Amino acid sequence: KKITLTKPLSLRAMARVGQRTWLCGVGDTLLISNTQG
């Protein structure tokens, strides 16, 4: 299923600690999830 984000993003970097995940890429936006995405 598609999970909608706030804006179009080209994601290039990821980090994960436990259930928390961070994603970022082009632009000034960092995404964070505490719910397994």
PDB file of all heavy atoms in Angstrom:
ATOM      1  N   LYS A   1       0.842  -1.189   0.000  1.00  0.00           N
ATOM      2  CA  LYS A   1       0.000   0.000   0.000  1.00  0.00           C
ATOM      3  C   LYS A   1       0.880   1.243   0.000  1.00  0.00           C
ATOM      4  O   LYS A   1       1.973   1.244   0.566  1.00  0.00           O
ATOM      5  CB  LYS A   1      -0.927   0.015   1.220  1.00  0.00           C
ATOM      6  CG  LYS A   1      -1.940  -1.125   1.244  1.00  0.00           C
ATOM      7  CD  LYS A   1      -2.819  -1.021   2.483  1.00  0.00           C
ATOM      8  CE  LYS A   1      -3.845  -2.148   2.509  1.00  0.00           C
ATOM      9  NZ  LYS A   1      -4.705  -2.073   3.730  1.00  0.00           N
ATOM     10  N   LYS A   2       0.359   2.301  -0.617  1.00  0.00           N
ATOM     11  CA  LYS A   2       1.069   3.574  -0.621  1.00  0.00           C
ATOM     12  C   LYS A   2       0.784   4.325   0.679  1.00  0.00           C
ATOM     13  O   LYS A   2      -0.370   4.508   1.042  1.00  0.00           O
ATOM     14  CB  LYS A   2       0.649   4.426  -1.819  1.00  0.00           C
ATOM     15  CG  LYS A   2       1.078   3.855  -3.158  1.00  0.00           C
ATOM     16  CD  LYS A   2       0.859   4.843  -4.289  1.00  0.00           C
ATOM     17  CE  LYS A   2      -0.611   5.182  -4.452  1.00  0.00           C
ATOM     18  NZ  LYS A   2      -0.828   6.091  -5.599  1.00  0.00           N
ATOM     19  N   ILE A   3       1.850   4.740   1.356  1.00  0.00           N
ATOM     20  CA  ILE A   3       1.735   5.597   2.533  1.00  0.00           C
ATOM     21  C   ILE A   3       2.090   7.015   2.086  1.00  0.00           C
ATOM     22  O   ILE A   3       3.207   7.272   1.625  1.00  0.00           O
ATOM     23  CB  ILE A   3       2.668   5.143   3.669  1.00  0.00           C
ATOM     24  CG1 ILE A   3       2.414   3.677   4.003  1.00  0.00           C
ATOM     25  CG2 ILE A   3       2.505   6.035   4.885  1.00  0.00           C
ATOM     26  CD1 ILE A   3       1.023   3.378   4.499  1.00  0.00           C
ATOM     27  N   THR A   4       1.142   7.936   2.206  1.00  0.00           N
ATOM     28  CA  THR A   4       1.316   9.282   1.678  1.00  0.00           C
ATOM     29  C   THR A   4       2.183  10.129   2.612  1.00  0.00           C
ATOM     30  O   THR A   4       1.984  10.134   3.838  1.00  0.00           O
ATOM     31  CB  THR A   4      -0.048   9.971   1.484  1.00  0.00           C
ATOM     32  OG1 THR A   4      -0.842   9.163   0.610  1.00  0.00           O
ATOM     33  CG2 THR A   4       0.118  11.349   0.873  1.00  0.00           C
ATOM     34  N   LEU A   5       3.150  10.836   2.013  1.00  0.00           N
ATOM     35  CA  LEU A   5       3.999  11.766   2.744  1.00  0.00           C
ATOM     36  C   LEU A   5       3.501  13.188   2.515  1.00  0.00           C
ATOM     37  O   LEU A   5       2.603  13.432   1.709  1.00  0.00           O
ATOM     38  CB  LEU A   5       5.453  11.625   2.278  1.00  0.00           C
ATOM     39  CG  LEU A   5       6.025  10.200   2.294  1.00  0.00           C
ATOM     40  CD1 LEU A   5       7.433  10.188   1.745  1.00  0.00           C
ATOM     41  CD2 LEU A   5       5.994   9.626   3.701  1.00  0.00           C
ATOM     42  N   THR A   6       4.089  14.140   3.196  1.00  0.00           N
ATOM     43  CA  THR A   6       3.617  15.525   3.117  1.00  0.00           C
ATOM     44  C   THR A   6       3.956  16.191   1.798  1.00  0.00           C
ATOM     45  O   THR A   6       3.287  17.143   1.394  1.00  0.00           O
ATOM     46  CB  THR A   6       4.224  16.353   4.261  1.00  0.00           C
ATOM     47  OG1 THR A   6       5.669  16.242   4.201  1.00  0.00           O
ATOM     48  CG2 THR A   6       3.744  15.837   5.609  1.00  0.00           C
ATOM     49  N   LYS A   7       5.004  15.691   1.102  1.00  0.00           N
ATOM     50  CA  LYS A   7       5.435  16.311  -0.151  1.00  0.00           C
ATOM     51  C   LYS A   7       6.247  15.288  -0.941  1.00  0.00           C
ATOM     52  O   LYS A   7       6.742  14.304  -0.375  1.00  0.00           O
ATOM     53  CB  LYS A   7       6.279  17.553   0.126  1.00  0.00           C
ATOM     54  CG  LYS A   7       7.605  17.255   0.799  1.00  0.00           C
ATOM     55  CD  LYS A   7       8.430  18.494   1.064  1.00  0.00           C
ATOM     56  CE  LYS A   7       7.841  19.306   2.192  1.00  0.00           C
ATOM     57  NZ  LYS A   7       8.783  20.385   2.643  1.00  0.00           N
ATOM     58  N   PRO A   8       6.408  15.486  -2.248  1.00  0.00           N
ATOM     59  CA  PRO A   8       7.279  14.595  -3.024  1.00  0.00           C
ATOM     60  C   PRO A   8       8.730  14.719  -2.557  1.00  0.00           C
ATOM     61  O   PRO A   8       9.242  15.829  -2.377  1.00  0.00           O
ATOM     62  CB  PRO A   8       7.110  15.104  -4.464  1.00  0.00           C
ATOM     63  CG  PRO A   8       5.823  15.849  -4.462  1.00  0.00           C
ATOM     64  CD  PRO A   8       5.693  16.456  -3.098  1.00  0.00           C
ATOM     65  N   LEU A   9       9.373  13.595  -2.353  1.00  0.00           N
ATOM     66  CA  LEU A   9      10.744  13.584  -1.865  1.00  0.00           C
ATOM     67  C   LEU A   9      11.546  12.521  -2.601  1.00  0.00           C
ATOM     68  O   LEU A   9      11.031  11.443  -2.910  1.00  0.00           O
ATOM     69  CB  LEU A   9      10.789  13.279  -0.367  1.00  0.00           C
ATOM     70  CG  LEU A   9      10.217  14.338   0.582  1.00  0.00           C
ATOM     71  CD1 LEU A   9      10.138  13.777   1.992  1.00  0.00           C
ATOM     72  CD2 LEU A   9      11.069  15.583   0.554  1.00  0.00           C
ATOM     73  N   SER A  10      12.805  12.833  -2.863  1.00  0.00           N
ATOM     74  CA  SER A  10      13.754  11.847  -3.380  1.00  0.00           C
ATOM     75  C   SER A  10      14.638  11.442  -2.215  1.00  0.00           C
ATOM     76  O   SER A  10      15.540  12.175  -1.806  1.00  0.00           O
ATOM     77  CB  SER A  10      14.593  12.444  -4.517  1.00  0.00           C
ATOM     78  OG  SER A  10      15.539  11.505  -4.986  1.00  0.00           O
ATOM     79  N   LEU A  11      14.354  10.277  -1.635  1.00  0.00           N
ATOM     80  CA  LEU A  11      14.994   9.847  -0.397  1.00  0.00           C
ATOM     81  C   LEU A  11      16.307   9.135  -0.696  1.00  0.00           C
ATOM     82  O   LEU A  11      16.370   8.249  -1.548  1.00  0.00           O
ATOM     83  CB  LEU A  11      14.054   8.926   0.376  1.00  0.00           C
ATOM     84  CG  LEU A  11      12.711   9.572   0.769  1.00  0.00           C
ATOM     85  CD1 LEU A  11      11.748   8.539   1.301  1.00  0.00           C
ATOM     86  CD2 LEU A  11      12.942  10.671   1.798  1.00  0.00           C
ATOM     87  N   ARG A  12      17.371   9.508   0.050  1.00  0.00           N
ATOM     88  CA  ARG A  12      18.708   8.986  -0.217  1.00  0.00           C
ATOM     89  C   ARG A  12      19.403   8.445   1.025  1.00  0.00           C
ATOM     90  O   ARG A  12      20.457   7.826   0.910  1.00  0.00           O
ATOM     91  CB  ARG A  12      19.579  10.075  -0.839  1.00  0.00           C
ATOM     92  CG  ARG A  12      19.079  10.592  -2.162  1.00  0.00           C
ATOM     93  CD  ARG A  12      19.963  11.728  -2.652  1.00  0.00           C
ATOM     94  NE  ARG A  12      21.339  11.316  -2.795  1.00  0.00           N
ATOM     95  CZ  ARG A  12      21.836  10.776  -3.899  1.00  0.00           C
ATOM     96  NH1 ARG A  12      21.056  10.558  -4.947  1.00  0.00           N
ATOM     97  NH2 ARG A  12      23.107  10.439  -3.976  1.00  0.00           N
ATOM     98  N   ALA A  13      18.876   8.728   2.213  1.00  0.00           N
ATOM     99  CA  ALA A  13      19.555   8.299   3.438  1.00  0.00           C
ATOM    100  C   ALA A  13      18.523   7.751   4.421  1.00  0.00           C
ATOM    101  O   ALA A  13      17.400   8.251   4.497  1.00  0.00           O
ATOM    102  CB  ALA A  13      20.335   9.452   4.065  1.00  0.00           C
ATOM    103  N   MET A  14      18.935   6.719   5.178  1.00  0.00           N
ATOM    104  CA  MET A  14      18.040   6.064   6.129  1.00  0.00           C
ATOM    105  C   MET A  14      18.829   5.691   7.373  1.00  0.00           C
ATOM    106  O   MET A  14      20.010   5.340   7.302  1.00  0.00           O
ATOM    107  CB  MET A  14      17.429   4.815   5.489  1.00  0.00           C
ATOM    108  CG  MET A  14      16.429   4.070   6.363  1.00  0.00           C
ATOM    109  SD  MET A  14      17.176   2.879   7.519  1.00  0.00           S
ATOM    110  CE  MET A  14      17.837   1.666   6.380  1.00  0.00           C
ATOM    111  N   ALA A  15      18.173   5.799   8.534  1.00  0.00           N
ATOM    112  CA  ALA A  15      18.736   5.302   9.786  1.00  0.00           C
ATOM    113  C   ALA A  15      17.597   4.689  10.583  1.00  0.00           C
ATOM    114  O   ALA A  15      16.447   5.116  10.500  1.00  0.00           O
ATOM    115  CB  ALA A  15      19.406   6.421  10.576  1.00  0.00           C
ATOM    116  N   ARG A  16      17.930   3.673  11.360  1.00  0.00           N
ATOM    117  CA  ARG A  16      16.905   2.965  12.128  1.00  0.00           C
ATOM    118  C   ARG A  16      17.471   2.542  13.468  1.00  0.00           C
ATOM    119  O   ARG A  16      18.576   1.989  13.543  1.00  0.00           O
ATOM    120  CB  ARG A  16      16.428   1.745  11.349  1.00  0.00           C
ATOM    121  CG  ARG A  16      15.396   0.902  12.076  1.00  0.00           C
ATOM    122  CD  ARG A  16      15.061  -0.334  11.271  1.00  0.00           C
ATOM    123  NE  ARG A  16      14.311  -1.303  12.045  1.00  0.00           N
ATOM    124  CZ  ARG A  16      14.138  -2.570  11.697  1.00  0.00           C
ATOM    125  NH1 ARG A  16      14.674  -3.019  10.565  1.00  0.00           N
ATOM    126  NH2 ARG A  16      13.448  -3.395  12.452  1.00  0.00           N
ATOM    127  N   VAL A  17      16.756   2.843  14.528  1.00  0.00           N
ATOM    128  CA  VAL A  17      17.090   2.390  15.880  1.00  0.00           C
ATOM    129  C   VAL A  17      15.823   1.809  16.480  1.00  0.00           C
ATOM    130  O   VAL A  17      14.852   2.531  16.731  1.00  0.00           O
ATOM    131  CB  VAL A  17      17.620   3.534  16.753  1.00  0.00           C
ATOM    132  CG1 VAL A  17      17.846   3.042  18.182  1.00  0.00           C
ATOM    133  CG2 VAL A  17      18.908   4.101  16.180  1.00  0.00           C
ATOM    134  N   GLY A  18      15.797   0.509  16.692  1.00  0.00           N
ATOM    135  CA  GLY A  18      14.599  -0.145  17.223  1.00  0.00           C
ATOM    136  C   GLY A  18      13.431   0.040  16.278  1.00  0.00           C
ATOM    137  O   GLY A  18      13.501  -0.279  15.092  1.00  0.00           O
ATOM    138  N   GLN A  19      12.318   0.591  16.777  1.00  0.00           N
ATOM    139  CA  GLN A  19      11.130   0.810  15.962  1.00  0.00           C
ATOM    140  C   GLN A  19      11.124   2.188  15.296  1.00  0.00           C
ATOM    141  O   GLN A  19      10.217   2.493  14.529  1.00  0.00           O
ATOM    142  CB  GLN A  19       9.873   0.661  16.834  1.00  0.00           C
ATOM    143  CG  GLN A  19       9.731  -0.707  17.482  1.00  0.00           C
ATOM    144  CD  GLN A  19       9.659  -1.818  16.448  1.00  0.00           C
ATOM    145  OE1 GLN A  19       8.950  -1.722  15.459  1.00  0.00           O
ATOM    146  NE2 GLN A  19      10.418  -2.891  16.681  1.00  0.00           N
ATOM    147  N   ARG A  20      12.109   3.014  15.611  1.00  0.00           N
ATOM    148  CA  ARG A  20      12.159   4.366  15.044  1.00  0.00           C
ATOM    149  C   ARG A  20      12.999   4.374  13.779  1.00  0.00           C
ATOM    150  O   ARG A  20      14.091   3.796  13.741  1.00  0.00           O
ATOM    151  CB  ARG A  20      12.720   5.359  16.056  1.00  0.00           C
ATOM    152  CG  ARG A  20      12.870   6.778  15.513  1.00  0.00           C
ATOM    153  CD  ARG A  20      13.193   7.778  16.607  1.00  0.00           C
ATOM    154  NE  ARG A  20      12.019   7.994  17.476  1.00  0.00           N
ATOM    155  CZ  ARG A  20      11.987   8.911  18.437  1.00  0.00           C
ATOM    156  NH1 ARG A  20      13.052   9.670  18.687  1.00  0.00           N
ATOM    157  NH2 ARG A  20      10.904   9.053  19.175  1.00  0.00           N
ATOM    158  N   THR A  21      12.489   5.033  12.748  1.00  0.00           N
ATOM    159  CA  THR A  21      13.157   5.102  11.448  1.00  0.00           C
ATOM    160  C   THR A  21      13.185   6.557  10.983  1.00  0.00           C
ATOM    161  O   THR A  21      12.191   7.272  11.107  1.00  0.00           O
ATOM    162  CB  THR A  21      12.429   4.245  10.403  1.00  0.00           C
ATOM    163  OG1 THR A  21      12.255   2.925  10.912  1.00  0.00           O
ATOM    164  CG2 THR A  21      13.226   4.181   9.103  1.00  0.00           C
ATOM    165  N   TRP A  22      14.328   6.979  10.443  1.00  0.00           N
ATOM    166  CA  TRP A  22      14.481   8.307   9.856  1.00  0.00           C
ATOM    167  C   TRP A  22      14.777   8.159   8.366  1.00  0.00           C
ATOM    168  O   TRP A  22      15.511   7.249   7.953  1.00  0.00           O
ATOM    169  CB  TRP A  22      15.626   9.079  10.494  1.00  0.00           C
ATOM    170  CG  TRP A  22      15.485   9.426  11.942  1.00  0.00           C
ATOM    171  CD1 TRP A  22      15.022  10.589  12.479  1.00  0.00           C
ATOM    172  CD2 TRP A  22      15.869   8.618  13.064  1.00  0.00           C
ATOM    173  NE1 TRP A  22      15.075  10.564  13.848  1.00  0.00           N
ATOM    174  CE2 TRP A  22      15.591   9.366  14.243  1.00  0.00           C
ATOM    175  CE3 TRP A  22      16.406   7.340  13.191  1.00  0.00           C
ATOM    176  CZ2 TRP A  22      15.845   8.865  15.516  1.00  0.00           C
ATOM    177  CZ3 TRP A  22      16.655   6.840  14.457  1.00  0.00           C
ATOM    178  CH2 TRP A  22      16.367   7.600  15.612  1.00  0.00           C
ATOM    179  N   LEU A  23      14.243   9.055   7.548  1.00  0.00           N
ATOM    180  CA  LEU A  23      14.515   9.106   6.116  1.00  0.00           C
ATOM    181  C   LEU A  23      14.728  10.561   5.712  1.00  0.00           C
ATOM    182  O   LEU A  23      14.017  11.454   6.185  1.00  0.00           O
ATOM    183  CB  LEU A  23      13.353   8.523   5.305  1.00  0.00           C
ATOM    184  CG  LEU A  23      13.113   7.013   5.380  1.00  0.00           C
ATOM    185  CD1 LEU A  23      11.776   6.672   4.735  1.00  0.00           C
ATOM    186  CD2 LEU A  23      14.236   6.249   4.693  1.00  0.00           C
ATOM    187  N   CYS A  24      15.681  10.797   4.806  1.00  0.00           N
ATOM    188  CA  CYS A  24      15.863  12.142   4.264  1.00  0.00           C
ATOM    189  C   CYS A  24      16.519  12.029   2.894  1.00  0.00           C
ATOM    190  O   CYS A  24      16.958  10.961   2.473  1.00  0.00           O
ATOM    191  CB  CYS A  24      16.693  13.027   5.190  1.00  0.00           C
ATOM    192  SG  CYS A  24      18.418  12.529   5.354  1.00  0.00           S
ATOM    193  N   GLY A  25      16.583  13.145   2.179  1.00  0.00           N
ATOM    194  CA  GLY A  25      17.157  13.146   0.842  1.00  0.00           C
ATOM    195  C   GLY A  25      17.269  14.551   0.304  1.00  0.00           C
ATOM    196  O   GLY A  25      17.785  15.454   0.974  1.00  0.00           O
ATOM    197  N   VAL A  26      16.752  14.771  -0.904  1.00  0.00           N
ATOM    198  CA  VAL A  26      16.806  16.078  -1.520  1.00  0.00           C
ATOM    199  C   VAL A  26      15.830  17.012  -0.807  1.00  0.00           C
ATOM    200  O   VAL A  26      14.677  16.656  -0.556  1.00  0.00           O
ATOM    201  CB  VAL A  26      16.465  15.992  -3.019  1.00  0.00           C
ATOM    202  CG1 VAL A  26      16.424  17.383  -3.640  1.00  0.00           C
ATOM    203  CG2 VAL A  26      17.501  15.126  -3.736  1.00  0.00           C
ATOM    204  N   GLY A  27      16.286  18.224  -0.499  1.00  0.00           N
ATOM    205  CA  GLY A  27      15.418  19.186   0.162  1.00  0.00           C
ATOM    206  C   GLY A  27      15.736  19.311   1.638  1.00  0.00           C
ATOM    207  O   GLY A  27      16.750  18.809   2.132  1.00  0.00           O
ATOM    208  N   ASP A  28      14.874  19.979   2.377  1.00  0.00           N
ATOM    209  CA  ASP A  28      15.130  20.291   3.779  1.00  0.00           C
ATOM    210  C   ASP A  28      14.230  19.504   4.730  1.00  0.00           C
ATOM    211  O   ASP A  28      13.911  19.967   5.813  1.00  0.00           O
ATOM    212  CB  ASP A  28      14.935  21.792   4.021  1.00  0.00           C
ATOM    213  CG  ASP A  28      13.513  22.235   3.691  1.00  0.00           C
ATOM    214  OD1 ASP A  28      12.799  21.452   3.056  1.00  0.00           O
ATOM    215  OD2 ASP A  28      13.143  23.352   4.066  1.00  0.00           O
ATOM    216  N   THR A  29      13.820  18.315   4.334  1.00  0.00           N
ATOM    217  CA  THR A  29      12.835  17.561   5.109  1.00  0.00           C
ATOM    218  C   THR A  29      13.445  16.287   5.682  1.00  0.00           C
ATOM    219  O   THR A  29      14.102  15.525   4.973  1.00  0.00           O
ATOM    220  CB  THR A  29      11.616  17.200   4.247  1.00  0.00           C
ATOM    221  OG1 THR A  29      11.037  18.396   3.749  1.00  0.00           O
ATOM    222  CG2 THR A  29      10.588  16.453   5.067  1.00  0.00           C
ATOM    223  N   LEU A  30      13.205  16.074   6.956  1.00  0.00           N
ATOM    224  CA  LEU A  30      13.559  14.833   7.638  1.00  0.00           C
ATOM    225  C   LEU A  30      12.264  14.155   8.079  1.00  0.00           C
ATOM    226  O   LEU A  30      11.418  14.772   8.717  1.00  0.00           O
ATOM    227  CB  LEU A  30      14.439  15.129   8.855  1.00  0.00           C
ATOM    228  CG  LEU A  30      14.821  13.934   9.740  1.00  0.00           C
ATOM    229  CD1 LEU A  30      15.724  12.979   8.982  1.00  0.00           C
ATOM    230  CD2 LEU A  30      15.506  14.423  11.008  1.00  0.00           C
ATOM    231  N   LEU A  31      12.101  12.890   7.694  1.00  0.00           N
ATOM    232  CA  LEU A  31      10.913  12.117   8.056  1.00  0.00           C
ATOM    233  C   LEU A  31      11.241  11.175   9.194  1.00  0.00           C
ATOM    234  O   LEU A  31      12.337  10.589   9.232  1.00  0.00           O
ATOM    235  CB  LEU A  31      10.401  11.320   6.857  1.00  0.00           C
ATOM    236  CG  LEU A  31       9.970  12.116   5.630  1.00  0.00           C
ATOM    237  CD1 LEU A  31       9.606  11.163   4.504  1.00  0.00           C
ATOM    238  CD2 LEU A  31       8.799  13.020   5.963  1.00  0.00           C
ATOM    239  N   ILE A  32      10.299  10.981  10.088  1.00  0.00           N
ATOM    240  CA  ILE A  32      10.496  10.079  11.222  1.00  0.00           C
ATOM    241  C   ILE A  32       9.232   9.257  11.420  1.00  0.00           C
ATOM    242  O   ILE A  32       8.112   9.739  11.243  1.00  0.00           O
ATOM    243  CB  ILE A  32      10.844  10.872  12.507  1.00  0.00           C
ATOM    244  CG1 ILE A  32      11.189   9.918  13.642  1.00  0.00           C
ATOM    245  CG2 ILE A  32       9.720  11.817  12.893  1.00  0.00           C
ATOM    246  CD1 ILE A  32      11.756  10.629  14.864  1.00  0.00           C
ATOM    247  N   SER A  33       9.425   7.972  11.726  1.00  0.00           N
ATOM    248  CA  SER A  33       8.301   7.067  11.982  1.00  0.00           C
ATOM    249  C   SER A  33       8.601   6.246  13.220  1.00  0.00           C
ATOM    250  O   SER A  33       9.712   5.716  13.374  1.00  0.00           O
ATOM    251  CB  SER A  33       8.058   6.141  10.790  1.00  0.00           C
ATOM    252  OG  SER A  33       7.059   5.181  11.098  1.00  0.00           O
ATOM    253  N   ASN A  34       7.608   6.143  14.103  1.00  0.00           N
ATOM    254  CA  ASN A  34       7.700   5.288  15.284  1.00  0.00           C
ATOM    255  C   ASN A  34       6.738   4.107  15.200  1.00  0.00           C
ATOM    256  O   ASN A  34       6.521   3.409  16.181  1.00  0.00           O
ATOM    257  CB  ASN A  34       7.401   6.098  16.551  1.00  0.00           C
ATOM    258  CG  ASN A  34       8.422   7.188  16.796  1.00  0.00           C
ATOM    259  OD1 ASN A  34       9.624   6.950  16.710  1.00  0.00           O
ATOM    260  ND2 ASN A  34       7.954   8.394  17.090  1.00  0.00           N
ATOM    261  N   THR A  35       6.156   3.906  13.997  1.00  0.00           N
ATOM    262  CA  THR A  35       5.094   2.900  13.842  1.00  0.00           C
ATOM    263  C   THR A  35       5.422   1.917  12.725  1.00  0.00           C
ATOM    264  O   THR A  35       4.543   1.498  11.988  1.00  0.00           O
ATOM    265  CB  THR A  35       3.760   3.595  13.540  1.00  0.00           C
ATOM    266  OG1 THR A  35       3.917   4.413  12.358  1.00  0.00           O
ATOM    267  CG2 THR A  35       3.323   4.469  14.698  1.00  0.00           C
ATOM    268  N   GLN A  36       6.703   1.568  12.578  1.00  0.00           N
ATOM    269  CA  GLN A  36       7.117   0.623  11.538  1.00  0.00           C
ATOM    270  C   GLN A  36       6.677   1.090  10.152  1.00  0.00           C
ATOM    271  O   GLN A  36       6.275   0.303   9.300  1.00  0.00           O
ATOM    272  CB  GLN A  36       6.570  -0.781  11.820  1.00  0.00           C
ATOM    273  CG  GLN A  36       7.088  -1.382  13.110  1.00  0.00           C
ATOM    274  CD  GLN A  36       6.580  -2.786  13.374  1.00  0.00           C
ATOM    275  OE1 GLN A  36       5.534  -3.188  12.852  1.00  0.00           O
ATOM    276  NE2 GLN A  36       7.300  -3.544  14.184  1.00  0.00           N
ATOM    277  N   GLY A  37       6.761   2.388   9.928  1.00  0.00           N
ATOM    278  CA  GLY A  37       6.480   2.943   8.609  1.00  0.00           C
ATOM    279  C   GLY A  37       5.031   3.182   8.288  1.00  0.00           C
ATOM    280  O   GLY A  37       4.709   3.618   7.186  1.00  0.00           O
TER     281      GLY A  37
END
